[in-house]
Amino acid sequence: MDETGHAVAVWYRDDGSNDIVQAVTLADTDQDGIGDIVDECPNDPENDVDGDGICADVDECPNDPENDVDGDGICADVDNCPDTANADQADSDGDGIGDLCEAAASGGGGSGGG
């Protein structure tokens, strides 16, 4: 690392003198300490925080490793019913559990007034 915290590649003479032949500062676009040339996510300082293999800068659900498994357009980390599609996120009793999940849990088909 140089004095600014950027990664530096250094080439030394192979004659035993340890003289520096060349030093090059490596680009680190996202400033995560991993040079862009080897960084799998050069624009994502968290480096795929949810571990799904998609860099957060292009991941539609950067905190959801299953990437909206129910397909309702709401990422599981903020979906009030992550395993059942409910794009409207209806929660008539305001308890943070979607009406469709409450209906499924109770075995009924109502609006989940629980």
PDB file of N, CA and C in Angstrom:
ATOM      1  N   MET A   1       0.844  -1.179   0.000  1.00  0.00           N
ATOM      2  CA  MET A   1       0.000   0.000   0.000  1.00  0.00           C
ATOM      3  C   MET A   1       0.892   1.246   0.000  1.00  0.00           C
ATOM      4  N   ASP A   2       0.411   2.257  -0.710  1.00  0.00           N
ATOM      5  CA  ASP A   2       1.137   3.519  -0.662  1.00  0.00           C
ATOM      6  C   ASP A   2       0.567   4.375   0.470  1.00  0.00           C
ATOM      7  N   GLU A   3       1.035   5.600   0.592  1.00  0.00           N
ATOM      8  CA  GLU A   3       0.601   6.465   1.691  1.00  0.00           C
ATOM      9  C   GLU A   3      -0.870   6.843   1.615  1.00  0.00           C
ATOM     10  N   THR A   4      -1.508   6.653   0.466  1.00  0.00           N
ATOM     11  CA  THR A   4      -2.938   6.950   0.333  1.00  0.00           C
ATOM     12  C   THR A   4      -3.800   5.711   0.531  1.00  0.00           C
ATOM     13  N   GLY A   5      -3.169   4.558   0.768  1.00  0.00           N
ATOM     14  CA  GLY A   5      -3.912   3.326   0.981  1.00  0.00           C
ATOM     15  C   GLY A   5      -4.189   2.538  -0.276  1.00  0.00           C
ATOM     16  N   HIS A   6      -3.634   2.959  -1.409  1.00  0.00           N
ATOM     17  CA  HIS A   6      -3.832   2.240  -2.664  1.00  0.00           C
ATOM     18  C   HIS A   6      -2.824   1.101  -2.781  1.00  0.00           C
ATOM     19  N   ALA A   7      -3.249   0.026  -3.424  1.00  0.00           N
ATOM     20  CA  ALA A   7      -2.363  -1.108  -3.658  1.00  0.00           C
ATOM     21  C   ALA A   7      -1.278  -0.711  -4.658  1.00  0.00           C
ATOM     22  N   VAL A   8      -0.079  -1.220  -4.442  1.00  0.00           N
ATOM     23  CA  VAL A   8       1.052  -0.900  -5.304  1.00  0.00           C
ATOM     24  C   VAL A   8       1.735  -2.195  -5.724  1.00  0.00           C
ATOM     25  N   ALA A   9       1.980  -2.342  -7.011  1.00  0.00           N
ATOM     26  CA  ALA A   9       2.756  -3.478  -7.524  1.00  0.00           C
ATOM     27  C   ALA A   9       4.197  -2.993  -7.690  1.00  0.00           C
ATOM     28  N   VAL A  10       5.145  -3.782  -7.184  1.00  0.00           N
ATOM     29  CA  VAL A  10       6.546  -3.383  -7.223  1.00  0.00           C
ATOM     30  C   VAL A  10       7.362  -4.488  -7.880  1.00  0.00           C
ATOM     31  N   TRP A  11       8.246  -4.100  -8.796  1.00  0.00           N
ATOM     32  CA  TRP A  11       9.167  -5.036  -9.430  1.00  0.00           C
ATOM     33  C   TRP A  11      10.578  -4.709  -8.957  1.00  0.00           C
ATOM     34  N   TYR A  12      11.293  -5.744  -8.557  1.00  0.00           N
ATOM     35  CA  TYR A  12      12.671  -5.569  -8.071  1.00  0.00           C
ATOM     36  C   TYR A  12      13.661  -6.179  -9.056  1.00  0.00           C
ATOM     37  N   ARG A  13      14.885  -5.706  -9.024  1.00  0.00           N
ATOM     38  CA  ARG A  13      15.955  -6.311  -9.821  1.00  0.00           C
ATOM     39  C   ARG A  13      16.207  -7.713  -9.292  1.00  0.00           C
ATOM     40  N   ASP A  14      16.532  -8.620 -10.191  1.00  0.00           N
ATOM     41  CA  ASP A  14      16.808  -9.987  -9.771  1.00  0.00           C
ATOM     42  C   ASP A  14      18.309 -10.237  -9.602  1.00  0.00           C
ATOM     43  N   ASP A  15      19.074  -9.177  -9.399  1.00  0.00           N
ATOM     44  CA  ASP A  15      20.523  -9.332  -9.238  1.00  0.00           C
ATOM     45  C   ASP A  15      20.938  -9.370  -7.764  1.00  0.00           C
ATOM     46  N   GLY A  16      19.951  -9.465  -6.873  1.00  0.00           N
ATOM     47  CA  GLY A  16      20.254  -9.518  -5.452  1.00  0.00           C
ATOM     48  C   GLY A  16      20.346  -8.163  -4.794  1.00  0.00           C
ATOM     49  N   SER A  17      20.259  -7.093  -5.549  1.00  0.00           N
ATOM     50  CA  SER A  17      20.407  -5.754  -4.984  1.00  0.00           C
ATOM     51  C   SER A  17      19.119  -5.247  -4.331  1.00  0.00           C
ATOM     52  N   ASN A  18      17.997  -5.870  -4.669  1.00  0.00           N
ATOM     53  CA  ASN A  18      16.682  -5.438  -4.188  1.00  0.00           C
ATOM     54  C   ASN A  18      16.332  -4.018  -4.603  1.00  0.00           C
ATOM     55  N   ASP A  19      16.994  -3.516  -5.640  1.00  0.00           N
ATOM     56  CA  ASP A  19      16.645  -2.200  -6.165  1.00  0.00           C
ATOM     57  C   ASP A  19      15.291  -2.280  -6.855  1.00  0.00           C
ATOM     58  N   ILE A  20      14.469  -1.263  -6.629  1.00  0.00           N
ATOM     59  CA  ILE A  20      13.167  -1.218  -7.280  1.00  0.00           C
ATOM     60  C   ILE A  20      13.355  -0.824  -8.736  1.00  0.00           C
ATOM     61  N   VAL A  21      12.783  -1.639  -9.618  1.00  0.00           N
ATOM     62  CA  VAL A  21      12.817  -1.350 -11.044  1.00  0.00           C
ATOM     63  C   VAL A  21      11.625  -0.472 -11.408  1.00  0.00           C
ATOM     64  N   GLN A  22      10.463  -0.836 -10.895  1.00  0.00           N
ATOM     65  CA  GLN A  22       9.253  -0.092 -11.225  1.00  0.00           C
ATOM     66  C   GLN A  22       8.227  -0.303 -10.120  1.00  0.00           C
ATOM     67  N   ALA A  23       7.480   0.716  -9.784  1.00  0.00           N
ATOM     68  CA  ALA A  23       6.365   0.626  -8.842  1.00  0.00           C
ATOM     69  C   ALA A  23       5.158   1.262  -9.516  1.00  0.00           C
ATOM     70  N   VAL A  24       4.046   0.562  -9.500  1.00  0.00           N
ATOM     71  CA  VAL A  24       2.834   1.044 -10.159  1.00  0.00           C
ATOM     72  C   VAL A  24       1.684   0.996  -9.161  1.00  0.00           C
ATOM     73  N   THR A  25       0.982   2.106  -9.013  1.00  0.00           N
ATOM     74  CA  THR A  25      -0.207   2.124  -8.174  1.00  0.00           C
ATOM     75  C   THR A  25      -1.347   1.490  -8.965  1.00  0.00           C
ATOM     76  N   LEU A  26      -2.009   0.528  -8.356  1.00  0.00           N
ATOM     77  CA  LEU A  26      -3.107  -0.171  -9.013  1.00  0.00           C
ATOM     78  C   LEU A  26      -4.419   0.567  -8.772  1.00  0.00           C
ATOM     79  N   ALA A  27      -5.237   0.643  -9.792  1.00  0.00           N
ATOM     80  CA  ALA A  27      -6.548   1.278  -9.658  1.00  0.00           C
ATOM     81  C   ALA A  27      -7.411   0.460  -8.703  1.00  0.00           C
ATOM     82  N   ASP A  28      -8.163   1.137  -7.874  1.00  0.00           N
ATOM     83  CA  ASP A  28      -9.094   0.508  -6.935  1.00  0.00           C
ATOM     84  C   ASP A  28     -10.349   1.370  -6.916  1.00  0.00           C
ATOM     85  N   THR A  29     -11.164   1.227  -7.952  1.00  0.00           N
ATOM     86  CA  THR A  29     -12.326   2.080  -8.175  1.00  0.00           C
ATOM     87  C   THR A  29     -13.243   2.168  -6.965  1.00  0.00           C
ATOM     88  N   ASP A  30     -13.523   1.029  -6.320  1.00  0.00           N
ATOM     89  CA  ASP A  30     -14.466   1.033  -5.199  1.00  0.00           C
ATOM     90  C   ASP A  30     -13.790   1.233  -3.842  1.00  0.00           C
ATOM     91  N   GLN A  31     -12.485   1.419  -3.849  1.00  0.00           N
ATOM     92  CA  GLN A  31     -11.699   1.708  -2.650  1.00  0.00           C
ATOM     93  C   GLN A  31     -11.890   0.674  -1.537  1.00  0.00           C
ATOM     94  N   ASP A  32     -11.904  -0.612  -1.938  1.00  0.00           N
ATOM     95  CA  ASP A  32     -12.040  -1.676  -0.951  1.00  0.00           C
ATOM     96  C   ASP A  32     -10.716  -2.343  -0.609  1.00  0.00           C
ATOM     97  N   GLY A  33      -9.619  -1.826  -1.170  1.00  0.00           N
ATOM     98  CA  GLY A  33      -8.305  -2.394  -0.889  1.00  0.00           C
ATOM     99  C   GLY A  33      -7.917  -3.524  -1.812  1.00  0.00           C
ATOM    100  N   ILE A  34      -8.774  -3.849  -2.775  1.00  0.00           N
ATOM    101  CA  ILE A  34      -8.488  -4.894  -3.764  1.00  0.00           C
ATOM    102  C   ILE A  34      -8.368  -4.201  -5.114  1.00  0.00           C
ATOM    103  N   GLY A  35      -7.217  -4.307  -5.737  1.00  0.00           N
ATOM    104  CA  GLY A  35      -7.002  -3.661  -7.026  1.00  0.00           C
ATOM    105  C   GLY A  35      -7.990  -4.151  -8.069  1.00  0.00           C
ATOM    106  N   ASP A  36      -8.440  -3.237  -8.929  1.00  0.00           N
ATOM    107  CA  ASP A  36      -9.439  -3.576  -9.946  1.00  0.00           C
ATOM    108  C   ASP A  36      -9.041  -4.769 -10.800  1.00  0.00           C
ATOM    109  N   ILE A  37      -7.751  -4.935 -11.044  1.00  0.00           N
ATOM    110  CA  ILE A  37      -7.295  -6.005 -11.926  1.00  0.00           C
ATOM    111  C   ILE A  37      -7.609  -7.393 -11.366  1.00  0.00           C
ATOM    112  N   VAL A  38      -7.768  -7.503 -10.042  1.00  0.00           N
ATOM    113  CA  VAL A  38      -8.085  -8.799  -9.424  1.00  0.00           C
ATOM    114  C   VAL A  38      -9.402  -8.778  -8.652  1.00  0.00           C
ATOM    115  N   ASP A  39     -10.069  -7.630  -8.596  1.00  0.00           N
ATOM    116  CA  ASP A  39     -11.310  -7.480  -7.844  1.00  0.00           C
ATOM    117  C   ASP A  39     -12.471  -8.018  -8.672  1.00  0.00           C
ATOM    118  N   GLU A  40     -13.155  -9.045  -8.155  1.00  0.00           N
ATOM    119  CA  GLU A  40     -14.300  -9.613  -8.875  1.00  0.00           C
ATOM    120  C   GLU A  40     -15.453  -8.620  -8.973  1.00  0.00           C
ATOM    121  N   CYS A  41     -15.506  -7.679  -8.040  1.00  0.00           N
ATOM    122  CA  CYS A  41     -16.550  -6.658  -8.027  1.00  0.00           C
ATOM    123  C   CYS A  41     -15.896  -5.285  -7.925  1.00  0.00           C
ATOM    124  N   PRO A  42     -15.295  -4.786  -9.008  1.00  0.00           N
ATOM    125  CA  PRO A  42     -14.536  -3.541  -8.925  1.00  0.00           C
ATOM    126  C   PRO A  42     -15.358  -2.293  -8.636  1.00  0.00           C
ATOM    127  N   ASN A  43     -16.668  -2.367  -8.757  1.00  0.00           N
ATOM    128  CA  ASN A  43     -17.530  -1.220  -8.459  1.00  0.00           C
ATOM    129  C   ASN A  43     -18.385  -1.452  -7.217  1.00  0.00           C
ATOM    130  N   ASP A  44     -18.078  -2.494  -6.448  1.00  0.00           N
ATOM    131  CA  ASP A  44     -18.860  -2.863  -5.271  1.00  0.00           C
ATOM    132  C   ASP A  44     -17.927  -2.985  -4.069  1.00  0.00           C
ATOM    133  N   PRO A  45     -17.884  -1.964  -3.210  1.00  0.00           N
ATOM    134  CA  PRO A  45     -16.969  -2.018  -2.071  1.00  0.00           C
ATOM    135  C   PRO A  45     -17.294  -3.121  -1.075  1.00  0.00           C
ATOM    136  N   GLU A  46     -18.517  -3.642  -1.092  1.00  0.00           N
ATOM    137  CA  GLU A  46     -18.892  -4.736  -0.191  1.00  0.00           C
ATOM    138  C   GLU A  46     -18.555  -6.108  -0.780  1.00  0.00           C
ATOM    139  N   ASN A  47     -18.210  -6.158  -2.075  1.00  0.00           N
ATOM    140  CA  ASN A  47     -17.825  -7.401  -2.742  1.00  0.00           C
ATOM    141  C   ASN A  47     -18.846  -8.524  -2.582  1.00  0.00           C
ATOM    142  N   ASP A  48     -20.064  -8.280  -3.073  1.00  0.00           N
ATOM    143  CA  ASP A  48     -21.136  -9.274  -3.055  1.00  0.00           C
ATOM    144  C   ASP A  48     -21.475  -9.694  -1.633  1.00  0.00           C
ATOM    145  N   VAL A  49     -21.949  -8.753  -0.842  1.00  0.00           N
ATOM    146  CA  VAL A  49     -22.214  -8.960   0.580  1.00  0.00           C
ATOM    147  C   VAL A  49     -23.194 -10.106   0.853  1.00  0.00           C
ATOM    148  N   ASP A  50     -24.141 -10.386  -0.049  1.00  0.00           N
ATOM    149  CA  ASP A  50     -25.085 -11.467   0.213  1.00  0.00           C
ATOM    150  C   ASP A  50     -24.611 -12.827  -0.310  1.00  0.00           C
ATOM    151  N   GLY A  51     -23.463 -12.862  -0.972  1.00  0.00           N
ATOM    152  CA  GLY A  51     -22.849 -14.129  -1.367  1.00  0.00           C
ATOM    153  C   GLY A  51     -23.561 -14.892  -2.468  1.00  0.00           C
ATOM    154  N   ASP A  52     -24.332 -14.203  -3.297  1.00  0.00           N
ATOM    155  CA  ASP A  52     -25.068 -14.896  -4.352  1.00  0.00           C
ATOM    156  C   ASP A  52     -24.334 -14.931  -5.689  1.00  0.00           C
ATOM    157  N   GLY A  53     -23.113 -14.384  -5.714  1.00  0.00           N
ATOM    158  CA  GLY A  53     -22.343 -14.395  -6.945  1.00  0.00           C
ATOM    159  C   GLY A  53     -22.617 -13.217  -7.858  1.00  0.00           C
ATOM    160  N   ILE A  54     -23.449 -12.270  -7.401  1.00  0.00           N
ATOM    161  CA  ILE A  54     -23.764 -11.077  -8.183  1.00  0.00           C
ATOM    162  C   ILE A  54     -23.293  -9.861  -7.391  1.00  0.00           C
ATOM    163  N   CYS A  55     -22.435  -9.061  -7.984  1.00  0.00           N
ATOM    164  CA  CYS A  55     -21.920  -7.871  -7.306  1.00  0.00           C
ATOM    165  C   CYS A  55     -23.069  -6.921  -6.985  1.00  0.00           C
ATOM    166  N   ALA A  56     -23.022  -6.302  -5.814  1.00  0.00           N
ATOM    167  CA  ALA A  56     -24.120  -5.457  -5.342  1.00  0.00           C
ATOM    168  C   ALA A  56     -24.441  -4.300  -6.275  1.00  0.00           C
ATOM    169  N   ASP A  57     -23.445  -3.811  -7.016  1.00  0.00           N
ATOM    170  CA  ASP A  57     -23.719  -2.679  -7.896  1.00  0.00           C
ATOM    171  C   ASP A  57     -24.614  -3.050  -9.074  1.00  0.00           C
ATOM    172  N   VAL A  58     -24.811  -4.349  -9.327  1.00  0.00           N
ATOM    173  CA  VAL A  58     -25.708  -4.791 -10.395  1.00  0.00           C
ATOM    174  C   VAL A  58     -26.754  -5.796  -9.895  1.00  0.00           C
ATOM    175  N   ASP A  59     -26.731  -6.104  -8.606  1.00  0.00           N
ATOM    176  CA  ASP A  59     -27.659  -7.065  -7.997  1.00  0.00           C
ATOM    177  C   ASP A  59     -28.966  -6.359  -7.653  1.00  0.00           C
ATOM    178  N   GLU A  60     -30.082  -6.821  -8.206  1.00  0.00           N
ATOM    179  CA  GLU A  60     -31.373  -6.200  -7.907  1.00  0.00           C
ATOM    180  C   GLU A  60     -31.745  -6.355  -6.436  1.00  0.00           C
ATOM    181  N   CYS A  61     -31.213  -7.399  -5.791  1.00  0.00           N
ATOM    182  CA  CYS A  61     -31.463  -7.636  -4.369  1.00  0.00           C
ATOM    183  C   CYS A  61     -30.124  -7.852  -3.666  1.00  0.00           C
ATOM    184  N   PRO A  62     -29.373  -6.772  -3.424  1.00  0.00           N
ATOM    185  CA  PRO A  62     -28.017  -6.917  -2.894  1.00  0.00           C
ATOM    186  C   PRO A  62     -27.924  -7.502  -1.493  1.00  0.00           C
ATOM    187  N   ASN A  63     -29.036  -7.529  -0.741  1.00  0.00           N
ATOM    188  CA  ASN A  63     -29.032  -8.109   0.603  1.00  0.00           C
ATOM    189  C   ASN A  63     -29.892  -9.357   0.698  1.00  0.00           C
ATOM    190  N   ASP A  64     -30.214  -9.947  -0.442  1.00  0.00           N
ATOM    191  CA  ASP A  64     -31.073 -11.129  -0.510  1.00  0.00           C
ATOM    192  C   ASP A  64     -30.367 -12.184  -1.355  1.00  0.00           C
ATOM    193  N   PRO A  65     -29.741 -13.187  -0.721  1.00  0.00           N
ATOM    194  CA  PRO A  65     -28.983 -14.183  -1.480  1.00  0.00           C
ATOM    195  C   PRO A  65     -29.827 -15.019  -2.442  1.00  0.00           C
ATOM    196  N   GLU A  66     -31.138 -15.086  -2.217  1.00  0.00           N
ATOM    197  CA  GLU A  66     -31.993 -15.864  -3.118  1.00  0.00           C
ATOM    198  C   GLU A  66     -32.632 -14.990  -4.190  1.00  0.00           C
ATOM    199  N   ASN A  67     -32.385 -13.688  -4.145  1.00  0.00           N
ATOM    200  CA  ASN A  67     -32.842 -12.754  -5.174  1.00  0.00           C
ATOM    201  C   ASN A  67     -34.332 -12.854  -5.484  1.00  0.00           C
ATOM    202  N   ASP A  68     -35.157 -12.550  -4.482  1.00  0.00           N
ATOM    203  CA  ASP A  68     -36.618 -12.510  -4.642  1.00  0.00           C
ATOM    204  C   ASP A  68     -37.158 -13.862  -5.089  1.00  0.00           C
ATOM    205  N   VAL A  69     -36.988 -14.866  -4.231  1.00  0.00           N
ATOM    206  CA  VAL A  69     -37.370 -16.238  -4.568  1.00  0.00           C
ATOM    207  C   VAL A  69     -38.851 -16.378  -4.939  1.00  0.00           C
ATOM    208  N   ASP A  70     -39.730 -15.529  -4.385  1.00  0.00           N
ATOM    209  CA  ASP A  70     -41.154 -15.658  -4.724  1.00  0.00           C
ATOM    210  C   ASP A  70     -41.548 -14.896  -5.988  1.00  0.00           C
ATOM    211  N   GLY A  71     -40.614 -14.119  -6.547  1.00  0.00           N
ATOM    212  CA  GLY A  71     -40.834 -13.469  -7.835  1.00  0.00           C
ATOM    213  C   GLY A  71     -41.833 -12.335  -7.848  1.00  0.00           C
ATOM    214  N   ASP A  72     -42.071 -11.711  -6.691  1.00  0.00           N
ATOM    215  CA  ASP A  72     -43.057 -10.625  -6.664  1.00  0.00           C
ATOM    216  C   ASP A  72     -42.455  -9.240  -6.836  1.00  0.00           C
ATOM    217  N   GLY A  73     -41.144  -9.180  -7.068  1.00  0.00           N
ATOM    218  CA  GLY A  73     -40.491  -7.898  -7.268  1.00  0.00           C
ATOM    219  C   GLY A  73     -40.044  -7.227  -5.978  1.00  0.00           C
ATOM    220  N   ILE A  74     -40.207  -7.895  -4.846  1.00  0.00           N
ATOM    221  CA  ILE A  74     -39.791  -7.356  -3.551  1.00  0.00           C
ATOM    222  C   ILE A  74     -38.710  -8.286  -2.995  1.00  0.00           C
ATOM    223  N   CYS A  75     -37.522  -7.744  -2.723  1.00  0.00           N
ATOM    224  CA  CYS A  75     -36.418  -8.556  -2.198  1.00  0.00           C
ATOM    225  C   CYS A  75     -36.770  -9.089  -0.814  1.00  0.00           C
ATOM    226  N   ALA A  76     -36.355 -10.322  -0.529  1.00  0.00           N
ATOM    227  CA  ALA A  76     -36.728 -11.004   0.712  1.00  0.00           C
ATOM    228  C   ALA A  76     -36.346 -10.241   1.973  1.00  0.00           C
ATOM    229  N   ASP A  77     -35.262  -9.473   1.930  1.00  0.00           N
ATOM    230  CA  ASP A  77     -34.853  -8.762   3.141  1.00  0.00           C
ATOM    231  C   ASP A  77     -35.825  -7.655   3.531  1.00  0.00           C
ATOM    232  N   VAL A  78     -36.720  -7.264   2.627  1.00  0.00           N
ATOM    233  CA  VAL A  78     -37.744  -6.263   2.935  1.00  0.00           C
ATOM    234  C   VAL A  78     -39.155  -6.737   2.600  1.00  0.00           C
ATOM    235  N   ASP A  79     -39.302  -7.982   2.172  1.00  0.00           N
ATOM    236  CA  ASP A  79     -40.595  -8.556   1.779  1.00  0.00           C
ATOM    237  C   ASP A  79     -41.328  -9.042   3.030  1.00  0.00           C
ATOM    238  N   ASN A  80     -42.592  -8.630   3.209  1.00  0.00           N
ATOM    239  CA  ASN A  80     -43.334  -9.046   4.396  1.00  0.00           C
ATOM    240  C   ASN A  80     -43.901 -10.457   4.266  1.00  0.00           C
ATOM    241  N   CYS A  81     -43.664 -11.084   3.144  1.00  0.00           N
ATOM    242  CA  CYS A  81     -44.081 -12.468   2.916  1.00  0.00           C
ATOM    243  C   CYS A  81     -43.115 -13.045   1.874  1.00  0.00           C
ATOM    244  N   PRO A  82     -41.870 -13.324   2.274  1.00  0.00           N
ATOM    245  CA  PRO A  82     -40.807 -13.621   1.309  1.00  0.00           C
ATOM    246  C   PRO A  82     -40.949 -14.908   0.498  1.00  0.00           C
ATOM    247  N   ASP A  83     -41.774 -15.837   0.945  1.00  0.00           N
ATOM    248  CA  ASP A  83     -41.915 -17.091   0.200  1.00  0.00           C
ATOM    249  C   ASP A  83     -43.202 -17.185  -0.608  1.00  0.00           C
ATOM    250  N   THR A  84     -44.038 -16.157  -0.519  1.00  0.00           N
ATOM    251  CA  THR A  84     -45.305 -16.130  -1.255  1.00  0.00           C
ATOM    252  C   THR A  84     -45.400 -14.795  -1.991  1.00  0.00           C
ATOM    253  N   ALA A  85     -45.670 -14.855  -3.291  1.00  0.00           N
ATOM    254  CA  ALA A  85     -45.748 -13.633  -4.087  1.00  0.00           C
ATOM    255  C   ALA A  85     -46.890 -12.748  -3.603  1.00  0.00           C
ATOM    256  N   ASN A  86     -46.544 -11.533  -3.229  1.00  0.00           N
ATOM    257  CA  ASN A  86     -47.538 -10.534  -2.809  1.00  0.00           C
ATOM    258  C   ASN A  86     -46.987  -9.148  -3.098  1.00  0.00           C
ATOM    259  N   ALA A  87     -46.982  -8.798  -4.370  1.00  0.00           N
ATOM    260  CA  ALA A  87     -46.377  -7.541  -4.811  1.00  0.00           C
ATOM    261  C   ALA A  87     -46.978  -6.319  -4.117  1.00  0.00           C
ATOM    262  N   ASP A  88     -48.242  -6.382  -3.705  1.00  0.00           N
ATOM    263  CA  ASP A  88     -48.857  -5.215  -3.057  1.00  0.00           C
ATOM    264  C   ASP A  88     -48.452  -5.080  -1.590  1.00  0.00           C
ATOM    265  N   GLN A  89     -47.818  -6.112  -1.019  1.00  0.00           N
ATOM    266  CA  GLN A  89     -47.344  -6.097   0.366  1.00  0.00           C
ATOM    267  C   GLN A  89     -48.468  -5.770   1.354  1.00  0.00           C
ATOM    268  N   ALA A  90     -49.697  -6.189   1.040  1.00  0.00           N
ATOM    269  CA  ALA A  90     -50.831  -5.928   1.926  1.00  0.00           C
ATOM    270  C   ALA A  90     -50.574  -6.519   3.307  1.00  0.00           C
ATOM    271  N   ASP A  91     -50.842  -5.709   4.335  1.00  0.00           N
ATOM    272  CA  ASP A  91     -50.646  -6.086   5.733  1.00  0.00           C
ATOM    273  C   ASP A  91     -51.715  -5.351   6.536  1.00  0.00           C
ATOM    274  N   SER A  92     -52.952  -5.848   6.458  1.00  0.00           N
ATOM    275  CA  SER A  92     -54.095  -5.116   7.004  1.00  0.00           C
ATOM    276  C   SER A  92     -54.026  -4.893   8.511  1.00  0.00           C
ATOM    277  N   ASP A  93     -53.330  -5.748   9.244  1.00  0.00           N
ATOM    278  CA  ASP A  93     -53.250  -5.536  10.691  1.00  0.00           C
ATOM    279  C   ASP A  93     -51.944  -4.861  11.126  1.00  0.00           C
ATOM    280  N   GLY A  94     -51.069  -4.540  10.168  1.00  0.00           N
ATOM    281  CA  GLY A  94     -49.863  -3.780  10.461  1.00  0.00           C
ATOM    282  C   GLY A  94     -48.828  -4.487  11.318  1.00  0.00           C
ATOM    283  N   ASP A  95     -48.827  -5.816  11.307  1.00  0.00           N
ATOM    284  CA  ASP A  95     -47.875  -6.542  12.161  1.00  0.00           C
ATOM    285  C   ASP A  95     -46.573  -6.913  11.453  1.00  0.00           C
ATOM    286  N   GLY A  96     -46.431  -6.470  10.199  1.00  0.00           N
ATOM    287  CA  GLY A  96     -45.200  -6.749   9.463  1.00  0.00           C
ATOM    288  C   GLY A  96     -45.207  -8.077   8.736  1.00  0.00           C
ATOM    289  N   ILE A  97     -46.287  -8.832   8.872  1.00  0.00           N
ATOM    290  CA  ILE A  97     -46.438 -10.110   8.154  1.00  0.00           C
ATOM    291  C   ILE A  97     -47.531  -9.905   7.120  1.00  0.00           C
ATOM    292  N   GLY A  98     -47.220 -10.193   5.858  1.00  0.00           N
ATOM    293  CA  GLY A  98     -48.175  -9.989   4.784  1.00  0.00           C
ATOM    294  C   GLY A  98     -49.445 -10.806   4.962  1.00  0.00           C
ATOM    295  N   ASP A  99     -50.553 -10.236   4.521  1.00  0.00           N
ATOM    296  CA  ASP A  99     -51.848 -10.908   4.644  1.00  0.00           C
ATOM    297  C   ASP A  99     -51.837 -12.302   4.032  1.00  0.00           C
ATOM    298  N   LEU A 100     -51.175 -12.456   2.868  1.00  0.00           N
ATOM    299  CA  LEU A 100     -51.145 -13.772   2.240  1.00  0.00           C
ATOM    300  C   LEU A 100     -50.406 -14.799   3.097  1.00  0.00           C
ATOM    301  N   CYS A 101     -49.363 -14.384   3.800  1.00  0.00           N
ATOM    302  CA  CYS A 101     -48.639 -15.308   4.682  1.00  0.00           C
ATOM    303  C   CYS A 101     -49.479 -15.666   5.896  1.00  0.00           C
ATOM    304  N   GLU A 102     -50.189 -14.689   6.436  1.00  0.00           N
ATOM    305  CA  GLU A 102     -51.047 -14.980   7.589  1.00  0.00           C
ATOM    306  C   GLU A 102     -52.182 -15.911   7.193  1.00  0.00           C
ATOM    307  N   ALA A 103     -52.749 -15.716   6.006  1.00  0.00           N
ATOM    308  CA  ALA A 103     -53.825 -16.598   5.535  1.00  0.00           C
ATOM    309  C   ALA A 103     -53.288 -18.005   5.353  1.00  0.00           C
ATOM    310  N   ALA A 104     -52.100 -18.146   4.804  1.00  0.00           N
ATOM    311  CA  ALA A 104     -51.514 -19.470   4.593  1.00  0.00           C
ATOM    312  C   ALA A 104     -51.199 -20.138   5.921  1.00  0.00           C
ATOM    313  N   ALA A 105     -50.711 -19.390   6.887  1.00  0.00           N
ATOM    314  CA  ALA A 105     -50.358 -19.954   8.190  1.00  0.00           C
ATOM    315  C   ALA A 105     -51.588 -20.415   8.958  1.00  0.00           C
ATOM    316  N   SER A 106     -52.705 -19.695   8.791  1.00  0.00           N
ATOM    317  CA  SER A 106     -53.932 -20.066   9.509  1.00  0.00           C
ATOM    318  C   SER A 106     -54.742 -21.096   8.742  1.00  0.00           C
ATOM    319  N   GLY A 107     -54.332 -21.380   7.504  1.00  0.00           N
ATOM    320  CA  GLY A 107     -55.060 -22.355   6.689  1.00  0.00           C
ATOM    321  C   GLY A 107     -56.258 -21.747   6.010  1.00  0.00           C
ATOM    322  N   GLY A 108     -56.476 -20.463   6.201  1.00  0.00           N
ATOM    323  CA  GLY A 108     -57.629 -19.804   5.607  1.00  0.00           C
ATOM    324  C   GLY A 108     -57.255 -19.054   4.357  1.00  0.00           C
ATOM    325  N   GLY A 109     -58.210 -18.381   3.837  1.00  0.00           N
ATOM    326  CA  GLY A 109     -57.983 -17.616   2.617  1.00  0.00           C
ATOM    327  C   GLY A 109     -58.407 -16.180   2.783  1.00  0.00           C
ATOM    328  N   GLY A 110     -58.582 -15.727   4.016  1.00  0.00           N
ATOM    329  CA  GLY A 110     -59.076 -14.378   4.268  1.00  0.00           C
ATOM    330  C   GLY A 110     -57.985 -13.340   4.120  1.00  0.00           C
ATOM    331  N   SER A 111     -58.292 -12.155   4.682  1.00  0.00           N
ATOM    332  CA  SER A 111     -57.380 -11.029   4.542  1.00  0.00           C
ATOM    333  C   SER A 111     -56.356 -10.963   5.649  1.00  0.00           C
ATOM    334  N   GLY A 112     -56.316 -11.926   6.537  1.00  0.00           N
ATOM    335  CA  GLY A 112     -55.272 -11.989   7.561  1.00  0.00           C
ATOM    336  C   GLY A 112     -55.416 -10.939   8.622  1.00  0.00           C
ATOM    337  N   GLY A 113     -56.540 -10.823   9.241  1.00  0.00           N
ATOM    338  CA  GLY A 113     -56.770  -9.793  10.251  1.00  0.00           C
ATOM    339  C   GLY A 113     -56.173 -10.114  11.592  1.00  0.00           C
ATOM    340  N   GLY A 114     -55.204 -11.041  11.719  1.00  0.00           N
ATOM    341  CA  GLY A 114     -54.672 -11.532  12.990  1.00  0.00           C
ATOM    342  C   GLY A 114     -53.793 -10.655  13.641  1.00  0.00           C
TER     343      GLY A 114
END
